[in-house]
Amino acid sequence: MASGWASDDAVNQQIESTIEDAINHVRQQIDTADESAEFCEECGKAIPVGRRQAIQGVRFCVHCQAERDKEMQKTFSLYNRRGSKDSQLR
């Protein structure tokens, strides 16, 4: 049963939209046309063969990628504000 102006599947639509946004964000970050680098572009350490095969186009070692991901989290949130009542009230 819908309440207010929301449709019956509004929650599912919001969840699907949030997942779609996250997938699109990751796809933008990965350039699959390039070959994987043998050495990390940040620190210069060798990137393991398994990582290069698992992630096509990888440019950073695990440690440096984790640091980059932390920085990206500060600027990108998976919280979907399109369906948030708080964002509509402001």
PDB file of N, CA and C in Angstrom:
ATOM      1  N   MET A   1       0.840  -1.174   0.000  1.00  0.00           N
ATOM      2  CA  MET A   1       0.000   0.000   0.000  1.00  0.00           C
ATOM      3  C   MET A   1       0.889   1.243   0.000  1.00  0.00           C
ATOM      4  N   ALA A   2       0.574   2.178  -0.856  1.00  0.00           N
ATOM      5  CA  ALA A   2       1.344   3.414  -0.932  1.00  0.00           C
ATOM      6  C   ALA A   2       0.811   4.417   0.078  1.00  0.00           C
ATOM      7  N   SER A   3       1.710   5.201   0.590  1.00  0.00           N
ATOM      8  CA  SER A   3       1.292   6.257   1.509  1.00  0.00           C
ATOM      9  C   SER A   3       1.738   7.591   0.933  1.00  0.00           C
ATOM     10  N   GLY A   4       0.905   8.576   1.032  1.00  0.00           N
ATOM     11  CA  GLY A   4       1.258   9.880   0.484  1.00  0.00           C
ATOM     12  C   GLY A   4       1.323   9.825  -1.031  1.00  0.00           C
ATOM     13  N   TRP A   5       2.383  10.421  -1.603  1.00  0.00           N
ATOM     14  CA  TRP A   5       2.516  10.475  -3.051  1.00  0.00           C
ATOM     15  C   TRP A   5       3.380   9.352  -3.609  1.00  0.00           C
ATOM     16  N   ALA A   6       3.952   8.541  -2.760  1.00  0.00           N
ATOM     17  CA  ALA A   6       4.855   7.481  -3.217  1.00  0.00           C
ATOM     18  C   ALA A   6       4.068   6.327  -3.833  1.00  0.00           C
ATOM     19  N   SER A   7       4.648   5.748  -4.893  1.00  0.00           N
ATOM     20  CA  SER A   7       4.025   4.581  -5.500  1.00  0.00           C
ATOM     21  C   SER A   7       4.355   3.340  -4.680  1.00  0.00           C
ATOM     22  N   ASP A   8       3.691   2.241  -4.984  1.00  0.00           N
ATOM     23  CA  ASP A   8       3.890   1.006  -4.234  1.00  0.00           C
ATOM     24  C   ASP A   8       5.326   0.502  -4.300  1.00  0.00           C
ATOM     25  N   ASP A   9       6.015   0.729  -5.399  1.00  0.00           N
ATOM     26  CA  ASP A   9       7.375   0.216  -5.537  1.00  0.00           C
ATOM     27  C   ASP A   9       8.434   1.314  -5.410  1.00  0.00           C
ATOM     28  N   ALA A  10       8.117   2.398  -4.717  1.00  0.00           N
ATOM     29  CA  ALA A  10       9.046   3.521  -4.573  1.00  0.00           C
ATOM     30  C   ALA A  10      10.334   3.121  -3.869  1.00  0.00           C
ATOM     31  N   VAL A  11      10.239   2.287  -2.858  1.00  0.00           N
ATOM     32  CA  VAL A  11      11.433   1.861  -2.130  1.00  0.00           C
ATOM     33  C   VAL A  11      12.343   1.054  -3.047  1.00  0.00           C
ATOM     34  N   ASN A  12      11.759   0.128  -3.802  1.00  0.00           N
ATOM     35  CA  ASN A  12      12.562  -0.669  -4.734  1.00  0.00           C
ATOM     36  C   ASN A  12      13.194   0.202  -5.812  1.00  0.00           C
ATOM     37  N   GLN A  13      12.470   1.177  -6.296  1.00  0.00           N
ATOM     38  CA  GLN A  13      13.023   2.081  -7.295  1.00  0.00           C
ATOM     39  C   GLN A  13      14.213   2.861  -6.734  1.00  0.00           C
ATOM     40  N   GLN A  14      14.107   3.287  -5.487  1.00  0.00           N
ATOM     41  CA  GLN A  14      15.198   4.033  -4.861  1.00  0.00           C
ATOM     42  C   GLN A  14      16.424   3.142  -4.684  1.00  0.00           C
ATOM     43  N   ILE A  15      16.214   1.910  -4.245  1.00  0.00           N
ATOM     44  CA  ILE A  15      17.323   0.970  -4.075  1.00  0.00           C
ATOM     45  C   ILE A  15      17.999   0.698  -5.413  1.00  0.00           C
ATOM     46  N   GLU A  16      17.207   0.419  -6.438  1.00  0.00           N
ATOM     47  CA  GLU A  16      17.758   0.144  -7.762  1.00  0.00           C
ATOM     48  C   GLU A  16      18.518   1.354  -8.305  1.00  0.00           C
ATOM     49  N   SER A  17      18.006   2.548  -8.064  1.00  0.00           N
ATOM     50  CA  SER A  17      18.667   3.757  -8.520  1.00  0.00           C
ATOM     51  C   SER A  17      20.013   3.945  -7.819  1.00  0.00           C
ATOM     52  N   THR A  18      20.056   3.662  -6.527  1.00  0.00           N
ATOM     53  CA  THR A  18      21.303   3.783  -5.768  1.00  0.00           C
ATOM     54  C   THR A  18      22.337   2.796  -6.284  1.00  0.00           C
ATOM     55  N   ILE A  19      21.927   1.562  -6.537  1.00  0.00           N
ATOM     56  CA  ILE A  19      22.835   0.541  -7.063  1.00  0.00           C
ATOM     57  C   ILE A  19      23.323   0.935  -8.448  1.00  0.00           C
ATOM     58  N   GLU A  20      22.424   1.413  -9.281  1.00  0.00           N
ATOM     59  CA  GLU A  20      22.806   1.838 -10.638  1.00  0.00           C
ATOM     60  C   GLU A  20      23.809   2.985 -10.606  1.00  0.00           C
ATOM     61  N   ASP A  21      23.606   3.941  -9.697  1.00  0.00           N
ATOM     62  CA  ASP A  21      24.547   5.051  -9.555  1.00  0.00           C
ATOM     63  C   ASP A  21      25.928   4.551  -9.146  1.00  0.00           C
ATOM     64  N   ALA A  22      25.974   3.592  -8.219  1.00  0.00           N
ATOM     65  CA  ALA A  22      27.251   3.047  -7.756  1.00  0.00           C
ATOM     66  C   ALA A  22      27.966   2.309  -8.876  1.00  0.00           C
ATOM     67  N   ILE A  23      27.233   1.524  -9.648  1.00  0.00           N
ATOM     68  CA  ILE A  23      27.825   0.784 -10.770  1.00  0.00           C
ATOM     69  C   ILE A  23      28.366   1.748 -11.819  1.00  0.00           C
ATOM     70  N   ASN A  24      27.606   2.767 -12.143  1.00  0.00           N
ATOM     71  CA  ASN A  24      28.066   3.756 -13.125  1.00  0.00           C
ATOM     72  C   ASN A  24      29.298   4.494 -12.632  1.00  0.00           C
ATOM     73  N   HIS A  25      29.348   4.786 -11.342  1.00  0.00           N
ATOM     74  CA  HIS A  25      30.512   5.460 -10.776  1.00  0.00           C
ATOM     75  C   HIS A  25      31.761   4.598 -10.918  1.00  0.00           C
ATOM     76  N   VAL A  26      31.652   3.324 -10.628  1.00  0.00           N
ATOM     77  CA  VAL A  26      32.794   2.412 -10.741  1.00  0.00           C
ATOM     78  C   VAL A  26      33.209   2.254 -12.192  1.00  0.00           C
ATOM     79  N   ARG A  27      32.243   2.137 -13.094  1.00  0.00           N
ATOM     80  CA  ARG A  27      32.567   1.989 -14.517  1.00  0.00           C
ATOM     81  C   ARG A  27      33.319   3.201 -15.056  1.00  0.00           C
ATOM     82  N   GLN A  28      32.974   4.383 -14.552  1.00  0.00           N
ATOM     83  CA  GLN A  28      33.674   5.592 -14.988  1.00  0.00           C
ATOM     84  C   GLN A  28      35.122   5.588 -14.526  1.00  0.00           C
ATOM     85  N   GLN A  29      35.388   4.951 -13.406  1.00  0.00           N
ATOM     86  CA  GLN A  29      36.728   4.935 -12.841  1.00  0.00           C
ATOM     87  C   GLN A  29      37.650   3.939 -13.540  1.00  0.00           C
ATOM     88  N   ILE A  30      37.081   2.913 -14.152  1.00  0.00           N
ATOM     89  CA  ILE A  30      37.878   1.851 -14.754  1.00  0.00           C
ATOM     90  C   ILE A  30      37.951   2.066 -16.264  1.00  0.00           C
ATOM     91  N   ASP A  31      39.146   2.109 -16.773  1.00  0.00           N
ATOM     92  CA  ASP A  31      39.345   2.215 -18.216  1.00  0.00           C
ATOM     93  C   ASP A  31      39.788   0.844 -18.696  1.00  0.00           C
ATOM     94  N   THR A  32      38.862   0.044 -19.222  1.00  0.00           N
ATOM     95  CA  THR A  32      39.153  -1.341 -19.580  1.00  0.00           C
ATOM     96  C   THR A  32      39.913  -1.468 -20.893  1.00  0.00           C
ATOM     97  N   ALA A  33      40.082  -0.376 -21.620  1.00  0.00           N
ATOM     98  CA  ALA A  33      40.790  -0.459 -22.896  1.00  0.00           C
ATOM     99  C   ALA A  33      42.304  -0.599 -22.681  1.00  0.00           C
ATOM    100  N   ASP A  34      42.801  -0.135 -21.555  1.00  0.00           N
ATOM    101  CA  ASP A  34      44.231  -0.160 -21.289  1.00  0.00           C
ATOM    102  C   ASP A  34      44.666  -1.506 -20.719  1.00  0.00           C
ATOM    103  N   GLU A  35      45.929  -1.821 -20.941  1.00  0.00           N
ATOM    104  CA  GLU A  35      46.520  -2.993 -20.300  1.00  0.00           C
ATOM    105  C   GLU A  35      46.880  -2.623 -18.879  1.00  0.00           C
ATOM    106  N   SER A  36      46.942  -3.617 -18.017  1.00  0.00           N
ATOM    107  CA  SER A  36      47.332  -3.383 -16.627  1.00  0.00           C
ATOM    108  C   SER A  36      48.804  -3.002 -16.555  1.00  0.00           C
ATOM    109  N   ALA A  37      49.119  -2.125 -15.620  1.00  0.00           N
ATOM    110  CA  ALA A  37      50.500  -1.708 -15.410  1.00  0.00           C
ATOM    111  C   ALA A  37      51.239  -2.760 -14.591  1.00  0.00           C
ATOM    112  N   GLU A  38      52.513  -2.920 -14.847  1.00  0.00           N
ATOM    113  CA  GLU A  38      53.318  -3.861 -14.069  1.00  0.00           C
ATOM    114  C   GLU A  38      53.752  -3.254 -12.741  1.00  0.00           C
ATOM    115  N   PHE A  39      53.866  -1.920 -12.712  1.00  0.00           N
ATOM    116  CA  PHE A  39      54.298  -1.234 -11.504  1.00  0.00           C
ATOM    117  C   PHE A  39      53.280  -0.154 -11.149  1.00  0.00           C
ATOM    118  N   CYS A  40      53.084   0.038  -9.856  1.00  0.00           N
ATOM    119  CA  CYS A  40      52.135   1.024  -9.345  1.00  0.00           C
ATOM    120  C   CYS A  40      52.538   2.422  -9.791  1.00  0.00           C
ATOM    121  N   GLU A  41      51.593   3.187 -10.299  1.00  0.00           N
ATOM    122  CA  GLU A  41      51.862   4.547 -10.747  1.00  0.00           C
ATOM    123  C   GLU A  41      52.096   5.496  -9.579  1.00  0.00           C
ATOM    124  N   GLU A  42      51.661   5.106  -8.403  1.00  0.00           N
ATOM    125  CA  GLU A  42      51.813   5.966  -7.226  1.00  0.00           C
ATOM    126  C   GLU A  42      53.137   5.729  -6.502  1.00  0.00           C
ATOM    127  N   CYS A  43      53.410   4.474  -6.162  1.00  0.00           N
ATOM    128  CA  CYS A  43      54.591   4.187  -5.337  1.00  0.00           C
ATOM    129  C   CYS A  43      55.708   3.449  -6.086  1.00  0.00           C
ATOM    130  N   GLY A  44      55.424   2.890  -7.254  1.00  0.00           N
ATOM    131  CA  GLY A  44      56.435   2.212  -8.052  1.00  0.00           C
ATOM    132  C   GLY A  44      56.643   0.739  -7.724  1.00  0.00           C
ATOM    133  N   LYS A  45      55.917   0.214  -6.739  1.00  0.00           N
ATOM    134  CA  LYS A  45      56.056  -1.209  -6.402  1.00  0.00           C
ATOM    135  C   LYS A  45      55.408  -2.073  -7.482  1.00  0.00           C
ATOM    136  N   ALA A  46      55.895  -3.308  -7.604  1.00  0.00           N
ATOM    137  CA  ALA A  46      55.345  -4.236  -8.595  1.00  0.00           C
ATOM    138  C   ALA A  46      53.915  -4.620  -8.218  1.00  0.00           C
ATOM    139  N   ILE A  47      53.058  -4.677  -9.231  1.00  0.00           N
ATOM    140  CA  ILE A  47      51.674  -5.123  -9.028  1.00  0.00           C
ATOM    141  C   ILE A  47      51.639  -6.619  -9.298  1.00  0.00           C
ATOM    142  N   PRO A  48      51.148  -7.433  -8.351  1.00  0.00           N
ATOM    143  CA  PRO A  48      51.127  -8.884  -8.534  1.00  0.00           C
ATOM    144  C   PRO A  48      50.369  -9.305  -9.802  1.00  0.00           C
ATOM    145  N   VAL A  49      50.837 -10.379 -10.414  1.00  0.00           N
ATOM    146  CA  VAL A  49      50.233 -10.890 -11.650  1.00  0.00           C
ATOM    147  C   VAL A  49      48.751 -11.194 -11.444  1.00  0.00           C
ATOM    148  N   GLY A  50      48.414 -11.789 -10.309  1.00  0.00           N
ATOM    149  CA  GLY A  50      47.008 -12.121 -10.033  1.00  0.00           C
ATOM    150  C   GLY A  50      46.108 -10.902 -10.040  1.00  0.00           C
ATOM    151  N   ARG A  51      46.586  -9.810  -9.481  1.00  0.00           N
ATOM    152  CA  ARG A  51      45.803  -8.568  -9.464  1.00  0.00           C
ATOM    153  C   ARG A  51      45.658  -8.008 -10.873  1.00  0.00           C
ATOM    154  N   ARG A  52      46.732  -8.060 -11.651  1.00  0.00           N
ATOM    155  CA  ARG A  52      46.675  -7.554 -13.035  1.00  0.00           C
ATOM    156  C   ARG A  52      45.716  -8.364 -13.889  1.00  0.00           C
ATOM    157  N   GLN A  53      45.656  -9.687 -13.633  1.00  0.00           N
ATOM    158  CA  GLN A  53      44.745 -10.532 -14.410  1.00  0.00           C
ATOM    159  C   GLN A  53      43.301 -10.372 -13.945  1.00  0.00           C
ATOM    160  N   ALA A  54      43.116 -10.166 -12.650  1.00  0.00           N
ATOM    161  CA  ALA A  54      41.759 -10.052 -12.100  1.00  0.00           C
ATOM    162  C   ALA A  54      41.096  -8.731 -12.461  1.00  0.00           C
ATOM    163  N   ILE A  55      41.885  -7.665 -12.504  1.00  0.00           N
ATOM    164  CA  ILE A  55      41.343  -6.335 -12.770  1.00  0.00           C
ATOM    165  C   ILE A  55      42.028  -5.764 -14.003  1.00  0.00           C
ATOM    166  N   GLN A  56      41.346  -5.826 -15.116  1.00  0.00           N
ATOM    167  CA  GLN A  56      41.911  -5.327 -16.365  1.00  0.00           C
ATOM    168  C   GLN A  56      42.100  -3.814 -16.281  1.00  0.00           C
ATOM    169  N   GLY A  57      43.268  -3.339 -16.657  1.00  0.00           N
ATOM    170  CA  GLY A  57      43.550  -1.912 -16.653  1.00  0.00           C
ATOM    171  C   GLY A  57      43.983  -1.356 -15.310  1.00  0.00           C
ATOM    172  N   VAL A  58      44.338  -2.239 -14.362  1.00  0.00           N
ATOM    173  CA  VAL A  58      44.742  -1.781 -13.024  1.00  0.00           C
ATOM    174  C   VAL A  58      46.016  -0.943 -13.117  1.00  0.00           C
ATOM    175  N   ARG A  59      46.083   0.126 -12.333  1.00  0.00           N
ATOM    176  CA  ARG A  59      47.212   1.051 -12.376  1.00  0.00           C
ATOM    177  C   ARG A  59      47.908   1.203 -11.029  1.00  0.00           C
ATOM    178  N   PHE A  60      47.288   0.712  -9.947  1.00  0.00           N
ATOM    179  CA  PHE A  60      47.812   0.935  -8.608  1.00  0.00           C
ATOM    180  C   PHE A  60      47.879  -0.369  -7.828  1.00  0.00           C
ATOM    181  N   CYS A  61      48.839  -0.442  -6.893  1.00  0.00           N
ATOM    182  CA  CYS A  61      48.924  -1.599  -5.995  1.00  0.00           C
ATOM    183  C   CYS A  61      47.736  -1.548  -5.028  1.00  0.00           C
ATOM    184  N   VAL A  62      47.541  -2.609  -4.271  1.00  0.00           N
ATOM    185  CA  VAL A  62      46.395  -2.690  -3.360  1.00  0.00           C
ATOM    186  C   VAL A  62      46.427  -1.543  -2.353  1.00  0.00           C
ATOM    187  N   HIS A  63      47.590  -1.279  -1.759  1.00  0.00           N
ATOM    188  CA  HIS A  63      47.699  -0.225  -0.749  1.00  0.00           C
ATOM    189  C   HIS A  63      47.343   1.151  -1.324  1.00  0.00           C
ATOM    190  N   CYS A  64      47.927   1.489  -2.452  1.00  0.00           N
ATOM    191  CA  CYS A  64      47.668   2.799  -3.059  1.00  0.00           C
ATOM    192  C   CYS A  64      46.223   2.919  -3.527  1.00  0.00           C
ATOM    193  N   GLN A  65      45.660   1.823  -4.052  1.00  0.00           N
ATOM    194  CA  GLN A  65      44.266   1.859  -4.482  1.00  0.00           C
ATOM    195  C   GLN A  65      43.342   2.071  -3.289  1.00  0.00           C
ATOM    196  N   ALA A  66      43.660   1.441  -2.162  1.00  0.00           N
ATOM    197  CA  ALA A  66      42.855   1.617  -0.947  1.00  0.00           C
ATOM    198  C   ALA A  66      42.888   3.078  -0.492  1.00  0.00           C
ATOM    199  N   GLU A  67      44.052   3.698  -0.569  1.00  0.00           N
ATOM    200  CA  GLU A  67      44.172   5.107  -0.195  1.00  0.00           C
ATOM    201  C   GLU A  67      43.351   5.993  -1.139  1.00  0.00           C
ATOM    202  N   ARG A  68      43.402   5.697  -2.424  1.00  0.00           N
ATOM    203  CA  ARG A  68      42.613   6.464  -3.406  1.00  0.00           C
ATOM    204  C   ARG A  68      41.120   6.279  -3.158  1.00  0.00           C
ATOM    205  N   ASP A  69      40.723   5.048  -2.813  1.00  0.00           N
ATOM    206  CA  ASP A  69      39.316   4.775  -2.536  1.00  0.00           C
ATOM    207  C   ASP A  69      38.828   5.553  -1.314  1.00  0.00           C
ATOM    208  N   LYS A  70      39.685   5.663  -0.289  1.00  0.00           N
ATOM    209  CA  LYS A  70      39.324   6.435   0.902  1.00  0.00           C
ATOM    210  C   LYS A  70      39.079   7.900   0.531  1.00  0.00           C
ATOM    211  N   GLU A  71      39.933   8.433  -0.319  1.00  0.00           N
ATOM    212  CA  GLU A  71      39.773   9.827  -0.751  1.00  0.00           C
ATOM    213  C   GLU A  71      38.489  10.001  -1.561  1.00  0.00           C
ATOM    214  N   MET A  72      38.193   9.019  -2.402  1.00  0.00           N
ATOM    215  CA  MET A  72      36.972   9.091  -3.213  1.00  0.00           C
ATOM    216  C   MET A  72      35.727   9.009  -2.347  1.00  0.00           C
ATOM    217  N   GLN A  73      35.783   8.238  -1.263  1.00  0.00           N
ATOM    218  CA  GLN A  73      34.629   8.113  -0.371  1.00  0.00           C
ATOM    219  C   GLN A  73      34.270   9.448   0.255  1.00  0.00           C
ATOM    220  N   LYS A  74      35.247  10.286   0.455  1.00  0.00           N
ATOM    221  CA  LYS A  74      34.988  11.593   1.039  1.00  0.00           C
ATOM    222  C   LYS A  74      34.155  12.465   0.101  1.00  0.00           C
ATOM    223  N   THR A  75      34.302  12.240  -1.211  1.00  0.00           N
ATOM    224  CA  THR A  75      33.609  13.085  -2.183  1.00  0.00           C
ATOM    225  C   THR A  75      32.398  12.410  -2.825  1.00  0.00           C
ATOM    226  N   PHE A  76      32.281  11.096  -2.680  1.00  0.00           N
ATOM    227  CA  PHE A  76      31.188  10.371  -3.323  1.00  0.00           C
ATOM    228  C   PHE A  76      30.468   9.532  -2.289  1.00  0.00           C
ATOM    229  N   SER A  77      29.178   9.686  -2.223  1.00  0.00           N
ATOM    230  CA  SER A  77      28.380   8.923  -1.278  1.00  0.00           C
ATOM    231  C   SER A  77      27.363   8.092  -2.041  1.00  0.00           C
ATOM    232  N   LEU A  78      27.122   6.865  -1.580  1.00  0.00           N
ATOM    233  CA  LEU A  78      26.119   6.013  -2.214  1.00  0.00           C
ATOM    234  C   LEU A  78      24.712   6.310  -1.714  1.00  0.00           C
ATOM    235  N   TYR A  79      24.580   7.262  -0.817  1.00  0.00           N
ATOM    236  CA  TYR A  79      23.267   7.631  -0.310  1.00  0.00           C
ATOM    237  C   TYR A  79      22.491   8.320  -1.416  1.00  0.00           C
ATOM    238  N   ASN A  80      21.324   7.823  -1.726  1.00  0.00           N
ATOM    239  CA  ASN A  80      20.524   8.357  -2.817  1.00  0.00           C
ATOM    240  C   ASN A  80      19.616   9.462  -2.288  1.00  0.00           C
ATOM    241  N   ARG A  81      19.962  10.697  -2.585  1.00  0.00           N
ATOM    242  CA  ARG A  81      19.182  11.820  -2.071  1.00  0.00           C
ATOM    243  C   ARG A  81      17.936  12.105  -2.908  1.00  0.00           C
ATOM    244  N   ARG A  82      17.826  11.488  -4.065  1.00  0.00           N
ATOM    245  CA  ARG A  82      16.650  11.755  -4.905  1.00  0.00           C
ATOM    246  C   ARG A  82      15.354  11.356  -4.219  1.00  0.00           C
ATOM    247  N   GLY A  83      15.412  10.303  -3.405  1.00  0.00           N
ATOM    248  CA  GLY A  83      14.194   9.824  -2.736  1.00  0.00           C
ATOM    249  C   GLY A  83      14.118  10.215  -1.288  1.00  0.00           C
ATOM    250  N   SER A  84      15.025  11.052  -0.811  1.00  0.00           N
ATOM    251  CA  SER A  84      15.075  11.417   0.590  1.00  0.00           C
ATOM    252  C   SER A  84      14.113  12.561   0.886  1.00  0.00           C
ATOM    253  N   LYS A  85      13.267  12.368   1.896  1.00  0.00           N
ATOM    254  CA  LYS A  85      12.345  13.440   2.288  1.00  0.00           C
ATOM    255  C   LYS A  85      13.123  14.630   2.824  1.00  0.00           C
ATOM    256  N   ASP A  86      14.227  14.380   3.532  1.00  0.00           N
ATOM    257  CA  ASP A  86      15.026  15.476   4.069  1.00  0.00           C
ATOM    258  C   ASP A  86      15.507  16.400   2.968  1.00  0.00           C
ATOM    259  N   SER A  87      15.948  15.842   1.842  1.00  0.00           N
ATOM    260  CA  SER A  87      16.454  16.675   0.763  1.00  0.00           C
ATOM    261  C   SER A  87      15.329  17.454   0.102  1.00  0.00           C
ATOM    262  N   GLN A  88      14.116  16.933   0.147  1.00  0.00           N
ATOM    263  CA  GLN A  88      12.989  17.622  -0.462  1.00  0.00           C
ATOM    264  C   GLN A  88      12.486  18.763   0.426  1.00  0.00           C
ATOM    265  N   LEU A  89      12.733  18.651   1.728  1.00  0.00           N
ATOM    266  CA  LEU A  89      12.270  19.677   2.651  1.00  0.00           C
ATOM    267  C   LEU A  89      13.218  20.861   2.726  1.00  0.00           C
ATOM    268  N   ARG A  90      14.447  20.699   2.297  1.00  0.00           N
ATOM    269  CA  ARG A  90      15.435  21.780   2.404  1.00  0.00           C
ATOM    270  C   ARG A  90      15.364  22.737   1.267  1.00  0.00           C
TER     271      ARG A  90
END
